[in-house]
Amino acid sequence: MEDLNIEYQWLFYLNKVGLMQSDMPPQQIKETKRAFVAGLSQSFVLLIEGKLQDENSLDTFNKSIQEFWIKELNS
């Protein structure tokens, strides 16, 4: 399952936010990737702990993520 590979998701993420590794200095790549994997890790922890098990929790989490990106796009 390629889509469960972190490298695949990393490249998908970069494409989604309009970044290219070739345009980034090594330190930016390193720190951006760390932040990306930390976000994945936290989501995984929430899932494992059962905090994202029901539809209401998923909807709340999704809404929070959407609100963050809306604010980011408007800032």
N, C-alpha and C. Protein backbone atom coordinates (compact mmCIF):
# COMPACT_ATOMS: atom_id res chain seq x y z
N MET A 1 0.83 -1.18 0.00
CA MET A 1 0.00 0.00 0.00
C MET A 1 0.88 1.24 0.00
N GLU A 2 1.12 1.72 -1.17
CA GLU A 2 2.00 2.88 -1.33
C GLU A 2 1.49 4.10 -0.58
N ASP A 3 0.18 4.28 -0.53
CA ASP A 3 -0.37 5.49 0.10
C ASP A 3 -0.18 5.49 1.62
N LEU A 4 0.25 4.38 2.22
CA LEU A 4 0.53 4.34 3.64
C LEU A 4 2.02 4.54 3.94
N ASN A 5 2.80 4.81 2.91
CA ASN A 5 4.22 5.07 3.04
C ASN A 5 4.44 6.54 3.38
N ILE A 6 5.23 6.83 4.41
CA ILE A 6 5.45 8.21 4.83
C ILE A 6 6.08 9.04 3.71
N GLU A 7 7.01 8.47 2.97
CA GLU A 7 7.64 9.23 1.88
C GLU A 7 6.61 9.61 0.82
N TYR A 8 5.70 8.71 0.53
CA TYR A 8 4.63 8.99 -0.44
C TYR A 8 3.75 10.14 0.08
N GLN A 9 3.37 10.06 1.34
CA GLN A 9 2.53 11.09 1.93
C GLN A 9 3.27 12.43 2.01
N TRP A 10 4.56 12.39 2.30
CA TRP A 10 5.39 13.59 2.35
C TRP A 10 5.36 14.30 0.99
N LEU A 11 5.59 13.56 -0.07
CA LEU A 11 5.59 14.15 -1.41
C LEU A 11 4.19 14.63 -1.80
N PHE A 12 3.17 13.90 -1.40
CA PHE A 12 1.78 14.32 -1.65
C PHE A 12 1.51 15.65 -0.93
N TYR A 13 1.96 15.74 0.32
CA TYR A 13 1.80 16.95 1.12
C TYR A 13 2.51 18.14 0.45
N LEU A 14 3.76 17.94 0.06
CA LEU A 14 4.50 19.03 -0.59
C LEU A 14 3.76 19.53 -1.82
N ASN A 15 3.26 18.61 -2.61
CA ASN A 15 2.52 18.98 -3.80
C ASN A 15 1.25 19.77 -3.43
N LYS A 16 0.57 19.30 -2.41
CA LYS A 16 -0.68 19.93 -1.97
C LYS A 16 -0.47 21.37 -1.52
N VAL A 17 0.65 21.63 -0.84
CA VAL A 17 0.91 22.98 -0.34
C VAL A 17 1.79 23.80 -1.28
N GLY A 18 2.09 23.24 -2.44
CA GLY A 18 2.83 23.98 -3.46
C GLY A 18 4.31 24.16 -3.18
N LEU A 19 4.92 23.19 -2.51
CA LEU A 19 6.36 23.24 -2.24
C LEU A 19 7.07 22.16 -3.05
N MET A 20 8.31 22.46 -3.39
CA MET A 20 9.15 21.47 -4.07
C MET A 20 10.46 21.35 -3.29
N GLN A 21 10.86 20.13 -3.01
CA GLN A 21 12.11 19.92 -2.27
C GLN A 21 13.28 20.58 -2.99
N SER A 22 13.26 20.55 -4.31
CA SER A 22 14.37 21.12 -5.08
C SER A 22 14.51 22.63 -4.89
N ASP A 23 13.45 23.29 -4.43
CA ASP A 23 13.48 24.73 -4.19
C ASP A 23 13.78 25.08 -2.73
N MET A 24 13.93 24.07 -1.90
CA MET A 24 14.10 24.29 -0.46
C MET A 24 15.53 23.99 -0.04
N PRO A 25 16.11 24.83 0.83
CA PRO A 25 17.43 24.48 1.38
C PRO A 25 17.31 23.25 2.28
N PRO A 26 18.40 22.51 2.46
CA PRO A 26 18.35 21.28 3.25
C PRO A 26 17.75 21.43 4.65
N GLN A 27 18.06 22.52 5.35
CA GLN A 27 17.52 22.70 6.70
C GLN A 27 16.01 22.89 6.66
N GLN A 28 15.49 23.58 5.65
CA GLN A 28 14.04 23.77 5.53
C GLN A 28 13.36 22.44 5.25
N ILE A 29 13.96 21.63 4.39
CA ILE A 29 13.41 20.30 4.11
C ILE A 29 13.34 19.50 5.41
N LYS A 30 14.44 19.49 6.14
CA LYS A 30 14.53 18.71 7.38
C LYS A 30 13.48 19.15 8.39
N GLU A 31 13.35 20.45 8.63
CA GLU A 31 12.41 20.93 9.64
C GLU A 31 10.96 20.81 9.19
N THR A 32 10.71 21.03 7.91
CA THR A 32 9.35 20.89 7.38
C THR A 32 8.91 19.43 7.45
N LYS A 33 9.82 18.53 7.11
CA LYS A 33 9.48 17.10 7.17
C LYS A 33 9.27 16.65 8.61
N ARG A 34 10.07 17.16 9.53
CA ARG A 34 9.86 16.83 10.94
C ARG A 34 8.49 17.28 11.41
N ALA A 35 8.11 18.49 11.04
CA ALA A 35 6.79 19.01 11.44
C ALA A 35 5.68 18.17 10.81
N PHE A 36 5.85 17.79 9.55
CA PHE A 36 4.87 16.96 8.86
C PHE A 36 4.70 15.61 9.56
N VAL A 37 5.80 14.95 9.85
CA VAL A 37 5.74 13.64 10.50
C VAL A 37 5.22 13.76 11.93
N ALA A 38 5.55 14.84 12.61
CA ALA A 38 5.01 15.06 13.96
C ALA A 38 3.49 15.18 13.91
N GLY A 39 2.97 15.88 12.91
CA GLY A 39 1.52 15.99 12.74
C GLY A 39 0.88 14.64 12.47
N LEU A 40 1.52 13.87 11.60
CA LEU A 40 1.02 12.51 11.34
C LEU A 40 1.02 11.68 12.62
N SER A 41 2.11 11.80 13.35
CA SER A 41 2.25 11.02 14.59
C SER A 41 1.16 11.37 15.59
N GLN A 42 0.89 12.65 15.75
CA GLN A 42 -0.14 13.06 16.69
C GLN A 42 -1.51 12.55 16.26
N SER A 43 -1.80 12.61 14.97
CA SER A 43 -3.07 12.08 14.48
C SER A 43 -3.17 10.58 14.75
N PHE A 44 -2.05 9.88 14.56
CA PHE A 44 -2.01 8.45 14.81
C PHE A 44 -2.27 8.16 16.29
N VAL A 45 -1.67 8.95 17.16
CA VAL A 45 -1.88 8.77 18.61
C VAL A 45 -3.36 8.96 18.95
N LEU A 46 -3.97 10.00 18.41
CA LEU A 46 -5.40 10.23 18.67
C LEU A 46 -6.24 9.05 18.20
N LEU A 47 -5.88 8.49 17.06
CA LEU A 47 -6.61 7.34 16.52
C LEU A 47 -6.43 6.12 17.43
N ILE A 48 -5.20 5.85 17.83
CA ILE A 48 -4.90 4.71 18.69
C ILE A 48 -5.61 4.84 20.05
N GLU A 49 -5.63 6.06 20.59
CA GLU A 49 -6.26 6.28 21.89
C GLU A 49 -7.78 6.25 21.81
N GLY A 50 -8.31 6.12 20.62
CA GLY A 50 -9.75 6.02 20.45
C GLY A 50 -10.47 7.35 20.41
N LYS A 51 -9.72 8.43 20.28
CA LYS A 51 -10.34 9.75 20.29
C LYS A 51 -10.91 10.14 18.93
N LEU A 52 -10.64 9.34 17.91
CA LEU A 52 -11.16 9.61 16.57
C LEU A 52 -12.02 8.44 16.07
N GLN A 53 -12.67 7.77 17.00
CA GLN A 53 -13.41 6.57 16.65
C GLN A 53 -14.82 6.83 16.11
N ASP A 54 -15.45 7.88 16.59
CA ASP A 54 -16.83 8.10 16.16
C ASP A 54 -16.90 9.25 15.15
N GLU A 55 -18.00 9.30 14.46
CA GLU A 55 -18.19 10.29 13.40
C GLU A 55 -18.12 11.72 13.93
N ASN A 56 -18.66 11.96 15.11
CA ASN A 56 -18.64 13.29 15.69
C ASN A 56 -17.21 13.76 15.95
N SER A 57 -16.38 12.88 16.48
CA SER A 57 -14.98 13.22 16.74
C SER A 57 -14.24 13.52 15.45
N LEU A 58 -14.46 12.68 14.45
CA LEU A 58 -13.82 12.91 13.15
C LEU A 58 -14.26 14.23 12.54
N ASP A 59 -15.55 14.52 12.63
CA ASP A 59 -16.08 15.78 12.10
C ASP A 59 -15.49 16.97 12.83
N THR A 60 -15.39 16.88 14.15
CA THR A 60 -14.82 17.97 14.95
C THR A 60 -13.36 18.20 14.58
N PHE A 61 -12.60 17.12 14.47
CA PHE A 61 -11.18 17.21 14.12
C PHE A 61 -11.02 17.79 12.71
N ASN A 62 -11.81 17.30 11.78
CA ASN A 62 -11.76 17.79 10.41
C ASN A 62 -12.10 19.27 10.34
N LYS A 63 -13.13 19.68 11.07
CA LYS A 63 -13.53 21.09 11.08
C LYS A 63 -12.40 21.96 11.63
N SER A 64 -11.75 21.50 12.68
CA SER A 64 -10.65 22.23 13.28
C SER A 64 -9.50 22.40 12.28
N ILE A 65 -9.21 21.35 11.54
CA ILE A 65 -8.16 21.41 10.52
C ILE A 65 -8.55 22.39 9.42
N GLN A 66 -9.78 22.32 8.96
CA GLN A 66 -10.25 23.23 7.91
C GLN A 66 -10.19 24.68 8.38
N GLU A 67 -10.61 24.94 9.61
CA GLU A 67 -10.58 26.31 10.14
C GLU A 67 -9.15 26.84 10.21
N PHE A 68 -8.21 25.98 10.58
CA PHE A 68 -6.81 26.39 10.60
C PHE A 68 -6.35 26.84 9.23
N TRP A 69 -6.64 26.03 8.20
CA TRP A 69 -6.17 26.37 6.86
C TRP A 69 -6.87 27.58 6.29
N ILE A 70 -8.12 27.77 6.62
CA ILE A 70 -8.83 28.98 6.18
C ILE A 70 -8.16 30.21 6.77
N LYS A 71 -7.84 30.17 8.07
CA LYS A 71 -7.16 31.30 8.71
C LYS A 71 -5.78 31.52 8.08
N GLU A 72 -5.07 30.45 7.80
CA GLU A 72 -3.75 30.56 7.19
C GLU A 72 -3.83 31.22 5.81
N LEU A 73 -4.80 30.79 5.04
CA LEU A 73 -4.95 31.35 3.69
C LEU A 73 -5.35 32.83 3.71
N ASN A 74 -6.02 33.23 4.76
CA ASN A 74 -6.48 34.62 4.86
C ASN A 74 -5.52 35.53 5.64
N SER A 75 -4.41 34.98 6.10
CA SER A 75 -3.48 35.82 6.88
C SER A 75 -2.36 36.36 6.01
